[in-house]
C-alpha atoms as a PDB file:
ATOM      1  CA  UNK A   1     -53.325 117.034 -52.149  1.00  0.00           C
ATOM      2  CA  UNK A   2     -50.659 115.229 -53.982  1.00  0.00           C
ATOM      3  CA  UNK A   3     -47.143 114.202 -52.262  1.00  0.00           C
ATOM      4  CA  UNK A   4     -43.992 113.774 -53.959  1.00  0.00           C
ATOM      5  CA  UNK A   5     -42.346 114.874 -57.026  1.00  0.00           C
ATOM      6  CA  UNK A   6     -43.766 114.480 -60.394  1.00  0.00           C
ATOM      7  CA  UNK A   7     -41.389 113.770 -63.553  1.00  0.00           C
ATOM      8  CA  UNK A   8     -40.700 117.150 -65.801  1.00  0.00           C
ATOM      9  CA  UNK A   9     -42.185 116.840 -69.088  1.00  0.00           C
ATOM     10  CA  UNK A  10     -40.288 115.069 -71.734  1.00  0.00           C
ATOM     11  CA  UNK A  11     -39.430 116.278 -75.121  1.00  0.00           C
ATOM     12  CA  UNK A  12     -40.818 114.710 -78.135  1.00  0.00           C
ATOM     13  CA  UNK A  13     -38.427 112.874 -80.379  1.00  0.00           C
ATOM     14  CA  UNK A  14     -37.338 113.992 -83.660  1.00  0.00           C
ATOM     15  CA  UNK A  15     -38.457 112.103 -86.606  1.00  0.00           C
ATOM     16  CA  UNK A  16     -35.239 111.120 -88.924  1.00  0.00           C
ATOM     17  CA  UNK A  17     -35.515 113.087 -92.208  1.00  0.00           C
ATOM     18  CA  UNK A  18     -35.382 111.751 -95.773  1.00  0.00           C
ATOM     19  CA  UNK A  19     -33.087 113.686 -98.283  1.00  0.00           C
ATOM     20  CA  UNK A  20     -33.871 114.313-101.506  1.00  0.00           C
ATOM     21  CA  UNK A  21     -33.115 111.722-104.322  1.00  0.00           C
ATOM     22  CA  UNK A  22     -29.599 112.192-106.366  1.00  0.00           C
ATOM     23  CA  UNK A  23     -30.638 111.079-109.756  1.00  0.00           C
ATOM     24  CA  UNK A  24     -30.069 113.650-112.100  1.00  0.00           C
ATOM     25  CA  UNK A  25     -32.692 115.708-113.349  1.00  0.00           C
ATOM     26  CA  UNK A  26     -33.310 118.060-116.198  1.00  0.00           C
ATOM     27  CA  UNK A  27     -34.289 121.804-116.369  1.00  0.00           C
ATOM     28  CA  UNK A  28     -35.681 123.750-113.241  1.00  0.00           C
ATOM     29  CA  UNK A  29     -36.095 120.552-111.220  1.00  0.00           C
ATOM     30  CA  UNK A  30     -32.612 119.556-111.513  1.00  0.00           C
ATOM     31  CA  UNK A  31     -31.546 123.193-110.347  1.00  0.00           C
ATOM     32  CA  UNK A  32     -34.001 123.028-107.352  1.00  0.00           C
ATOM     33  CA  UNK A  33     -32.269 119.659-106.277  1.00  0.00           C
ATOM     34  CA  UNK A  34     -28.777 120.889-106.724  1.00  0.00           C
ATOM     35  CA  UNK A  35     -29.974 123.952-104.534  1.00  0.00           C
ATOM     36  CA  UNK A  36     -31.152 121.580-101.784  1.00  0.00           C
ATOM     37  CA  UNK A  37     -28.060 119.584-101.967  1.00  0.00           C
ATOM     38  CA  UNK A  38     -25.752 122.612-101.545  1.00  0.00           C
ATOM     39  CA  UNK A  39     -27.891 123.994 -98.576  1.00  0.00           C
ATOM     40  CA  UNK A  40     -27.595 120.481 -97.015  1.00  0.00           C
ATOM     41  CA  UNK A  41     -23.661 120.621 -97.446  1.00  0.00           C
ATOM     42  CA  UNK A  42     -23.761 123.943 -96.040  1.00  0.00           C
ATOM     43  CA  UNK A  43     -25.548 122.756 -92.846  1.00  0.00           C
ATOM     44  CA  UNK A  44     -23.200 119.963 -92.352  1.00  0.00           C
ATOM     45  CA  UNK A  45     -20.339 122.206 -92.648  1.00  0.00           C
ATOM     46  CA  UNK A  46     -21.939 124.128 -89.752  1.00  0.00           C
ATOM     47  CA  UNK A  47     -22.454 120.848 -87.668  1.00  0.00           C
ATOM     48  CA  UNK A  48     -18.852 120.056 -88.199  1.00  0.00           C
ATOM     49  CA  UNK A  49     -18.095 123.413 -86.835  1.00  0.00           C
ATOM     50  CA  UNK A  50     -20.293 122.899 -83.860  1.00  0.00           C
ATOM     51  CA  UNK A  51     -19.000 119.352 -83.221  1.00  0.00           C
ATOM     52  CA  UNK A  52     -15.193 121.132 -83.007  1.00  0.00           C
ATOM     53  CA  UNK A  53     -16.707 123.616 -80.593  1.00  0.00           C
ATOM     54  CA  UNK A  54     -14.544 124.195 -77.392  1.00  0.00           C
ATOM     55  CA  UNK A  55     -15.809 122.807 -74.317  1.00  0.00           C
ATOM     56  CA  UNK A  56     -15.687 124.608 -70.371  1.00  0.00           C
ATOM     57  CA  UNK A  57     -15.247 123.102 -67.358  1.00  0.00           C
ATOM     58  CA  UNK A  58     -18.351 122.491 -64.814  1.00  0.00           C
ATOM     59  CA  UNK A  59     -19.303 121.353 -61.480  1.00  0.00           C
ATOM     60  CA  UNK A  60     -19.014 118.097 -62.369  1.00  0.00           C
ATOM     61  CA  UNK A  61     -15.229 118.251 -62.887  1.00  0.00           C
ATOM     62  CA  UNK A  62     -14.590 119.291 -59.452  1.00  0.00           C
ATOM     63  CA  UNK A  63     -13.327 116.450 -57.328  1.00  0.00           C
ATOM     64  CA  UNK A  64     -13.793 116.530 -53.240  1.00  0.00           C
ATOM     65  CA  UNK A  65     -10.457 116.188 -51.587  1.00  0.00           C
ATOM     66  CA  UNK A  66      -8.561 118.544 -54.251  1.00  0.00           C
ATOM     67  CA  UNK A  67      -6.669 121.456 -52.425  1.00  0.00           C
ATOM     68  CA  UNK A  68      -8.098 124.834 -53.461  1.00  0.00           C
ATOM     69  CA  UNK A  69      -4.457 125.455 -54.790  1.00  0.00           C
ATOM     70  CA  UNK A  70      -4.673 122.572 -57.064  1.00  0.00           C
ATOM     71  CA  UNK A  71      -8.436 123.541 -58.499  1.00  0.00           C
ATOM     72  CA  UNK A  72      -8.382 125.037 -61.972  1.00  0.00           C
ATOM     73  CA  UNK A  73      -8.067 128.864 -61.329  1.00  0.00           C
ATOM     74  CA  UNK A  74      -9.336 130.166 -64.994  1.00  0.00           C
ATOM     75  CA  UNK A  75     -11.923 127.699 -65.600  1.00  0.00           C
ATOM     76  CA  UNK A  76     -14.514 129.916 -63.657  1.00  0.00           C
ATOM     77  CA  UNK A  77     -14.978 133.198 -62.841  1.00  0.00           C
ATOM     78  CA  UNK A  78     -16.623 135.617 -60.318  1.00  0.00           C
ATOM     79  CA  UNK A  79     -15.232 134.075 -57.290  1.00  0.00           C
ATOM     80  CA  UNK A  80     -16.922 135.379 -54.217  1.00  0.00           C
ATOM     81  CA  UNK A  81     -17.657 134.582 -50.791  1.00  0.00           C
ATOM     82  CA  UNK A  82     -21.112 132.590 -50.796  1.00  0.00           C
ATOM     83  CA  UNK A  83     -24.415 133.524 -49.502  1.00  0.00           C
ATOM     84  CA  UNK A  84     -25.572 129.837 -48.809  1.00  0.00           C
ATOM     85  CA  UNK A  85     -27.239 129.709 -52.029  1.00  0.00           C
ATOM     86  CA  UNK A  86     -28.163 133.576 -51.958  1.00  0.00           C
ATOM     87  CA  UNK A  87     -26.363 136.181 -53.946  1.00  0.00           C
ATOM     88  CA  UNK A  88     -22.437 136.525 -53.607  1.00  0.00           C
ATOM     89  CA  UNK A  89     -20.825 138.233 -50.970  1.00  0.00           C
ATOM     90  CA  UNK A  90     -17.064 139.652 -50.531  1.00  0.00           C
ATOM     91  CA  UNK A  91     -15.280 139.238 -53.903  1.00  0.00           C
ATOM     92  CA  UNK A  92     -12.512 136.914 -54.112  1.00  0.00           C
ATOM     93  CA  UNK A  93      -9.454 136.192 -56.438  1.00  0.00           C
ATOM     94  CA  UNK A  94      -9.580 132.649 -56.761  1.00  0.00           C
ATOM     95  CA  UNK A  95     -10.430 129.262 -54.675  1.00  0.00           C
ATOM     96  CA  UNK A  96      -7.227 130.209 -52.658  1.00  0.00           C
ATOM     97  CA  UNK A  97      -9.236 132.805 -50.918  1.00  0.00           C
ATOM     98  CA  UNK A  98     -11.613 130.647 -49.265  1.00  0.00           C
ATOM     99  CA  UNK A  99     -10.330 131.512 -45.848  1.00  0.00           C
ATOM    100  CA  UNK A 100     -11.494 135.148 -46.144  1.00  0.00           C
ATOM    101  CA  UNK A 101     -15.181 133.682 -46.026  1.00  0.00           C
ATOM    102  CA  UNK A 102     -16.679 132.968 -42.804  1.00  0.00           C
ATOM    103  CA  UNK A 103     -17.277 129.319 -41.884  1.00  0.00           C
ATOM    104  CA  UNK A 104     -20.882 127.933 -41.800  1.00  0.00           C
ATOM    105  CA  UNK A 105     -21.981 125.676 -38.845  1.00  0.00           C
ATOM    106  CA  UNK A 106     -20.224 122.760 -40.064  1.00  0.00           C
ATOM    107  CA  UNK A 107     -16.908 124.493 -40.230  1.00  0.00           C
ATOM    108  CA  UNK A 108     -16.651 124.796 -44.149  1.00  0.00           C
ATOM    109  CA  UNK A 109     -16.014 127.864 -46.220  1.00  0.00           C
ATOM    110  CA  UNK A 110     -18.606 128.697 -49.282  1.00  0.00           C
ATOM    111  CA  UNK A 111     -16.867 130.131 -52.310  1.00  0.00           C
ATOM    112  CA  UNK A 112     -19.188 131.270 -55.156  1.00  0.00           C
ATOM    113  CA  UNK A 113     -18.328 131.039 -58.699  1.00  0.00           C
ATOM    114  CA  UNK A 114     -20.016 130.738 -62.179  1.00  0.00           C
ATOM    115  CA  UNK A 115     -19.326 129.485 -65.533  1.00  0.00           C
ATOM    116  CA  UNK A 116     -17.455 131.681 -68.034  1.00  0.00           C
ATOM    117  CA  UNK A 117     -19.532 133.167 -70.724  1.00  0.00           C
ATOM    118  CA  UNK A 118     -16.778 132.924 -73.205  1.00  0.00           C
ATOM    119  CA  UNK A 119     -18.238 130.145 -74.940  1.00  0.00           C
ATOM    120  CA  UNK A 120     -21.632 131.825 -75.407  1.00  0.00           C
ATOM    121  CA  UNK A 121     -20.067 134.661 -77.335  1.00  0.00           C
ATOM    122  CA  UNK A 122     -18.131 132.097 -79.328  1.00  0.00           C
ATOM    123  CA  UNK A 123     -21.790 130.403 -80.154  1.00  0.00           C
ATOM    124  CA  UNK A 124     -23.390 133.623 -80.978  1.00  0.00           C
ATOM    125  CA  UNK A 125     -20.381 134.372 -83.336  1.00  0.00           C
ATOM    126  CA  UNK A 126     -20.933 131.198 -85.203  1.00  0.00           C
ATOM    127  CA  UNK A 127     -24.724 131.616 -85.114  1.00  0.00           C
ATOM    128  CA  UNK A 128     -24.950 127.825 -83.245  1.00  0.00           C
ATOM    129  CA  UNK A 129     -28.272 128.102 -81.741  1.00  0.00           C
ATOM    130  CA  UNK A 130     -27.961 125.293 -79.633  1.00  0.00           C
ATOM    131  CA  UNK A 131     -24.647 125.700 -78.279  1.00  0.00           C
ATOM    132  CA  UNK A 132     -25.761 129.366 -77.281  1.00  0.00           C
ATOM    133  CA  UNK A 133     -28.570 127.751 -75.429  1.00  0.00           C
ATOM    134  CA  UNK A 134     -26.295 125.349 -73.864  1.00  0.00           C
ATOM    135  CA  UNK A 135     -23.722 127.741 -72.767  1.00  0.00           C
ATOM    136  CA  UNK A 136     -25.955 130.929 -71.902  1.00  0.00           C
ATOM    137  CA  UNK A 137     -25.700 131.705 -68.084  1.00  0.00           C
ATOM    138  CA  UNK A 138     -24.599 129.045 -65.318  1.00  0.00           C
ATOM    139  CA  UNK A 139     -26.930 126.146 -65.637  1.00  0.00           C
ATOM    140  CA  UNK A 140     -27.352 122.364 -64.628  1.00  0.00           C
ATOM    141  CA  UNK A 141     -29.625 120.645 -67.355  1.00  0.00           C
ATOM    142  CA  UNK A 142     -31.022 124.128 -68.570  1.00  0.00           C
ATOM    143  CA  UNK A 143     -31.917 125.280 -64.974  1.00  0.00           C
ATOM    144  CA  UNK A 144     -30.401 128.513 -63.716  1.00  0.00           C
ATOM    145  CA  UNK A 145     -28.492 127.450 -60.587  1.00  0.00           C
ATOM    146  CA  UNK A 146     -25.909 128.997 -58.136  1.00  0.00           C
ATOM    147  CA  UNK A 147     -23.015 127.093 -57.590  1.00  0.00           C
ATOM    148  CA  UNK A 148     -20.383 126.985 -54.496  1.00  0.00           C
ATOM    149  CA  UNK A 149     -17.183 125.108 -53.462  1.00  0.00           C
ATOM    150  CA  UNK A 150     -17.162 124.423 -49.680  1.00  0.00           C
ATOM    151  CA  UNK A 151     -13.689 124.222 -48.416  1.00  0.00           C
ATOM    152  CA  UNK A 152     -12.607 122.878 -44.784  1.00  0.00           C
ATOM    153  CA  UNK A 153      -9.916 124.632 -42.615  1.00  0.00           C
ATOM    154  CA  UNK A 154      -6.935 123.012 -44.311  1.00  0.00           C
ATOM    155  CA  UNK A 155      -8.280 124.374 -47.882  1.00  0.00           C
ATOM    156  CA  UNK A 156      -9.396 120.993 -49.036  1.00  0.00           C
ATOM    157  CA  UNK A 157     -12.483 120.902 -51.241  1.00  0.00           C
ATOM    158  CA  UNK A 158     -15.077 118.924 -48.678  1.00  0.00           C
ATOM    159  CA  UNK A 159     -18.329 119.638 -50.747  1.00  0.00           C
ATOM    160  CA  UNK A 160     -20.164 121.239 -53.394  1.00  0.00           C
ATOM    161  CA  UNK A 161     -23.197 123.094 -53.588  1.00  0.00           C
ATOM    162  CA  UNK A 162     -26.162 123.476 -56.302  1.00  0.00           C
ATOM    163  CA  UNK A 163     -29.101 125.578 -55.518  1.00  0.00           C
ATOM    164  CA  UNK A 164     -31.613 126.670 -58.384  1.00  0.00           C
ATOM    165  CA  UNK A 165     -31.541 130.502 -58.692  1.00  0.00           C
ATOM    166  CA  UNK A 166     -34.636 132.093 -57.112  1.00  0.00           C
ATOM    167  CA  UNK A 167     -34.030 134.956 -59.360  1.00  0.00           C
ATOM    168  CA  UNK A 168     -34.920 133.103 -62.308  1.00  0.00           C
ATOM    169  CA  UNK A 169     -37.992 134.032 -64.484  1.00  0.00           C
ATOM    170  CA  UNK A 170     -41.143 132.504 -62.948  1.00  0.00           C
ATOM    171  CA  UNK A 171     -41.632 129.963 -65.797  1.00  0.00           C
ATOM    172  CA  UNK A 172     -37.897 128.698 -64.998  1.00  0.00           C
ATOM    173  CA  UNK A 173     -38.567 128.858 -61.442  1.00  0.00           C
ATOM    174  CA  UNK A 174     -41.764 127.097 -61.336  1.00  0.00           C
ATOM    175  CA  UNK A 175     -40.006 124.039 -62.684  1.00  0.00           C
ATOM    176  CA  UNK A 176     -36.990 124.314 -60.456  1.00  0.00           C
ATOM    177  CA  UNK A 177     -38.356 121.888 -58.160  1.00  0.00           C
ATOM    178  CA  UNK A 178     -38.164 118.930 -61.009  1.00  0.00           C
ATOM    179  CA  UNK A 179     -34.288 119.122 -61.069  1.00  0.00           C
ATOM    180  CA  UNK A 180     -34.532 116.686 -57.971  1.00  0.00           C
ATOM    181  CA  UNK A 181     -35.599 114.043 -60.089  1.00  0.00           C
ATOM    182  CA  UNK A 182     -32.768 114.685 -62.624  1.00  0.00           C
ATOM    183  CA  UNK A 183     -30.376 114.386 -59.640  1.00  0.00           C
ATOM    184  CA  UNK A 184     -32.040 111.293 -58.130  1.00  0.00           C
ATOM    185  CA  UNK A 185     -31.435 109.445 -61.468  1.00  0.00           C
ATOM    186  CA  UNK A 186     -27.837 110.650 -61.647  1.00  0.00           C
ATOM    187  CA  UNK A 187     -27.163 108.975 -58.101  1.00  0.00           C
ATOM    188  CA  UNK A 188     -29.487 105.938 -58.242  1.00  0.00           C
ATOM    189  CA  UNK A 189     -33.167 106.053 -57.431  1.00  0.00           C
ATOM    190  CA  UNK A 190     -32.628 103.687 -54.485  1.00  0.00           C
ATOM    191  CA  UNK A 191     -31.121 104.138 -51.005  1.00  0.00           C
ATOM    192  CA  UNK A 192     -32.141 107.524 -50.567  1.00  0.00           C
ATOM    193  CA  UNK A 193     -33.642 108.442 -46.913  1.00  0.00           C
ATOM    194  CA  UNK A 194     -36.129 110.692 -47.173  1.00  0.00           C
ATOM    195  CA  UNK A 195     -38.416 112.904 -44.715  1.00  0.00           C
ATOM    196  CA  UNK A 196     -41.450 114.717 -45.839  1.00  0.00           C
ATOM    197  CA  UNK A 197     -42.093 118.011 -43.765  1.00  0.00           C
ATOM    198  CA  UNK A 198     -46.037 118.748 -43.629  1.00  0.00           C
ATOM    199  CA  UNK A 199     -47.186 122.244 -44.192  1.00  0.00           C
ATOM    200  CA  UNK A 200     -46.379 124.914 -41.667  1.00  0.00           C
ATOM    201  CA  UNK A 201     -49.241 127.585 -40.401  1.00  0.00           C
ATOM    202  CA  UNK A 202     -50.054 129.435 -43.749  1.00  0.00           C
ATOM    203  CA  UNK A 203     -48.249 127.185 -46.221  1.00  0.00           C
ATOM    204  CA  UNK A 204     -50.435 126.051 -49.156  1.00  0.00           C
ATOM    205  CA  UNK A 205     -50.038 123.724 -51.941  1.00  0.00           C
ATOM    206  CA  UNK A 206     -49.527 124.977 -55.573  1.00  0.00           C
ATOM    207  CA  UNK A 207     -52.573 123.849 -57.000  1.00  0.00           C
ATOM    208  CA  UNK A 208     -52.844 120.372 -55.504  1.00  0.00           C
ATOM    209  CA  UNK A 209     -49.038 119.959 -55.094  1.00  0.00           C
ATOM    210  CA  UNK A 210     -47.290 120.596 -51.788  1.00  0.00           C
ATOM    211  CA  UNK A 211     -43.525 119.607 -51.597  1.00  0.00           C
ATOM    212  CA  UNK A 212     -41.165 120.098 -48.615  1.00  0.00           C
ATOM    213  CA  UNK A 213     -38.887 116.883 -48.755  1.00  0.00           C
ATOM    214  CA  UNK A 214     -35.303 116.447 -47.398  1.00  0.00           C
ATOM    215  CA  UNK A 215     -33.553 113.096 -48.586  1.00  0.00           C
ATOM    216  CA  UNK A 216     -29.915 111.890 -48.011  1.00  0.00           C
ATOM    217  CA  UNK A 217     -27.889 109.199 -49.467  1.00  0.00           C
ATOM    218  CA  UNK A 218     -24.444 107.765 -49.213  1.00  0.00           C
ATOM    219  CA  UNK A 219     -23.417 107.799 -52.871  1.00  0.00           C
ATOM    220  CA  UNK A 220     -20.087 106.363 -52.590  1.00  0.00           C
ATOM    221  CA  UNK A 221     -17.777 105.771 -49.653  1.00  0.00           C
ATOM    222  CA  UNK A 222     -16.422 109.219 -50.327  1.00  0.00           C
ATOM    223  CA  UNK A 223     -19.528 111.097 -50.653  1.00  0.00           C
ATOM    224  CA  UNK A 224     -22.965 112.090 -49.332  1.00  0.00           C
ATOM    225  CA  UNK A 225     -25.817 113.667 -51.065  1.00  0.00           C
ATOM    226  CA  UNK A 226     -28.237 115.656 -49.463  1.00  0.00           C
ATOM    227  CA  UNK A 227     -31.081 116.863 -51.522  1.00  0.00           C
ATOM    228  CA  UNK A 228     -33.667 119.406 -50.800  1.00  0.00           C
ATOM    229  CA  UNK A 229     -36.773 119.894 -52.826  1.00  0.00           C
ATOM    230  CA  UNK A 230     -39.792 122.550 -52.026  1.00  0.00           C
ATOM    231  CA  UNK A 231     -43.008 123.720 -54.073  1.00  0.00           C
ATOM    232  CA  UNK A 232     -45.331 125.167 -51.967  1.00  0.00           C
ATOM    233  CA  UNK A 233     -46.853 128.690 -51.175  1.00  0.00           C
ATOM    234  CA  UNK A 234     -45.861 130.539 -48.212  1.00  0.00           C
ATOM    235  CA  UNK A 235     -48.095 132.614 -45.811  1.00  0.00           C
ATOM    236  CA  UNK A 236     -49.185 135.509 -47.843  1.00  0.00           C
ATOM    237  CA  UNK A 237     -48.481 134.184 -51.169  1.00  0.00           C
ATOM    238  CA  UNK A 238     -51.520 133.063 -53.033  1.00  0.00           C
ATOM    239  CA  UNK A 239     -52.636 132.080 -56.704  1.00  0.00           C
ATOM    240  CA  UNK A 240     -55.206 135.226 -57.076  1.00  0.00           C
ATOM    241  CA  UNK A 241     -54.744 138.809 -55.767  1.00  0.00           C
ATOM    242  CA  UNK A 242     -57.723 140.164 -53.554  1.00  0.00           C
ATOM    243  CA  UNK A 243     -59.099 141.872 -57.080  1.00  0.00           C
ATOM    244  CA  UNK A 244     -59.229 138.362 -58.454  1.00  0.00           C
ATOM    245  CA  UNK A 245     -56.180 138.848 -61.051  1.00  0.00           C
ATOM    246  CA  UNK A 246     -53.933 135.761 -61.273  1.00  0.00           C
ATOM    247  CA  UNK A 247     -50.600 136.388 -59.537  1.00  0.00           C
ATOM    248  CA  UNK A 248     -46.988 135.714 -61.060  1.00  0.00           C
ATOM    249  CA  UNK A 249     -44.199 134.120 -59.168  1.00  0.00           C
ATOM    250  CA  UNK A 250     -45.968 133.902 -55.750  1.00  0.00           C
ATOM    251  CA  UNK A 251     -44.697 130.504 -54.950  1.00  0.00           C
ATOM    252  CA  UNK A 252     -41.481 128.907 -53.772  1.00  0.00           C
ATOM    253  CA  UNK A 253     -40.119 126.125 -56.323  1.00  0.00           C
ATOM    254  CA  UNK A 254     -36.401 125.049 -55.285  1.00  0.00           C
ATOM    255  CA  UNK A 255     -34.057 122.384 -55.443  1.00  0.00           C
ATOM    256  CA  UNK A 256     -30.829 122.107 -53.219  1.00  0.00           C
ATOM    257  CA  UNK A 257     -27.937 119.396 -53.594  1.00  0.00           C
ATOM    258  CA  UNK A 258     -25.152 119.184 -51.541  1.00  0.00           C
ATOM    259  CA  UNK A 259     -22.495 116.627 -52.021  1.00  0.00           C
ATOM    260  CA  UNK A 260     -19.968 116.388 -48.916  1.00  0.00           C
ATOM    261  CA  UNK A 261     -17.287 114.098 -47.565  1.00  0.00           C
ATOM    262  CA  UNK A 262     -18.964 111.689 -45.344  1.00  0.00           C
ATOM    263  CA  UNK A 263     -16.925 113.035 -42.178  1.00  0.00           C
ATOM    264  CA  UNK A 264     -18.693 116.757 -42.725  1.00  0.00           C
ATOM    265  CA  UNK A 265     -21.575 116.752 -40.096  1.00  0.00           C
ATOM    266  CA  UNK A 266     -25.034 116.881 -41.772  1.00  0.00           C
ATOM    267  CA  UNK A 267     -27.784 118.801 -39.936  1.00  0.00           C
END
């Protein structure tokens, strides 16, 4: 059985292309080269349009300590009371309705939100496939996630929560535990205090890998990171069914990150 979190597979680097010669040619060959040049110019125009694409706010643009009334109201959509990383609950108008959500044990009120999909439609209209993939859904580094802001009793943003979406397709969900690698890289690989929980009765590794880890780190003087990673099979989940067929999605794979003010108690 392997313990620890392996790196997600890296993507291959793209090779540099070599364009056609601009030397004048005669006959059909010349027309062929000019056609290639025209195609390259059209592509460059497309890239120029993509470079001028609008941008949208994301969770990293939200700053702890900001009052709910000062947060961007139109930058996100579908505000609701959060479900502790689960489905949204009561619908809200905006951040300022935080006090309609029941407090968690640490006293914070969770407000769910998601990214506006307007740019996804903009990218589709411009046939910008890379941007379509970038702006499709609410994601962090290509991982579907559930996002929420955590507010104290005075209405100040006291925390942020990112949880990989348990309703993602099995292929995306199986890789969800690797998102923790990116978070550790973002906030520095050193200084994390981690504890591994051994398997509970009935729990098993996925293949040879079992992960149930919780790490904390004081990232800066004004923020503490709490990172939880799970990759395992719960009791009743199995790789093969009773008839010997390979099962689909019978595992837990998740990453959960909370960024909190240092004065907020951590369980």
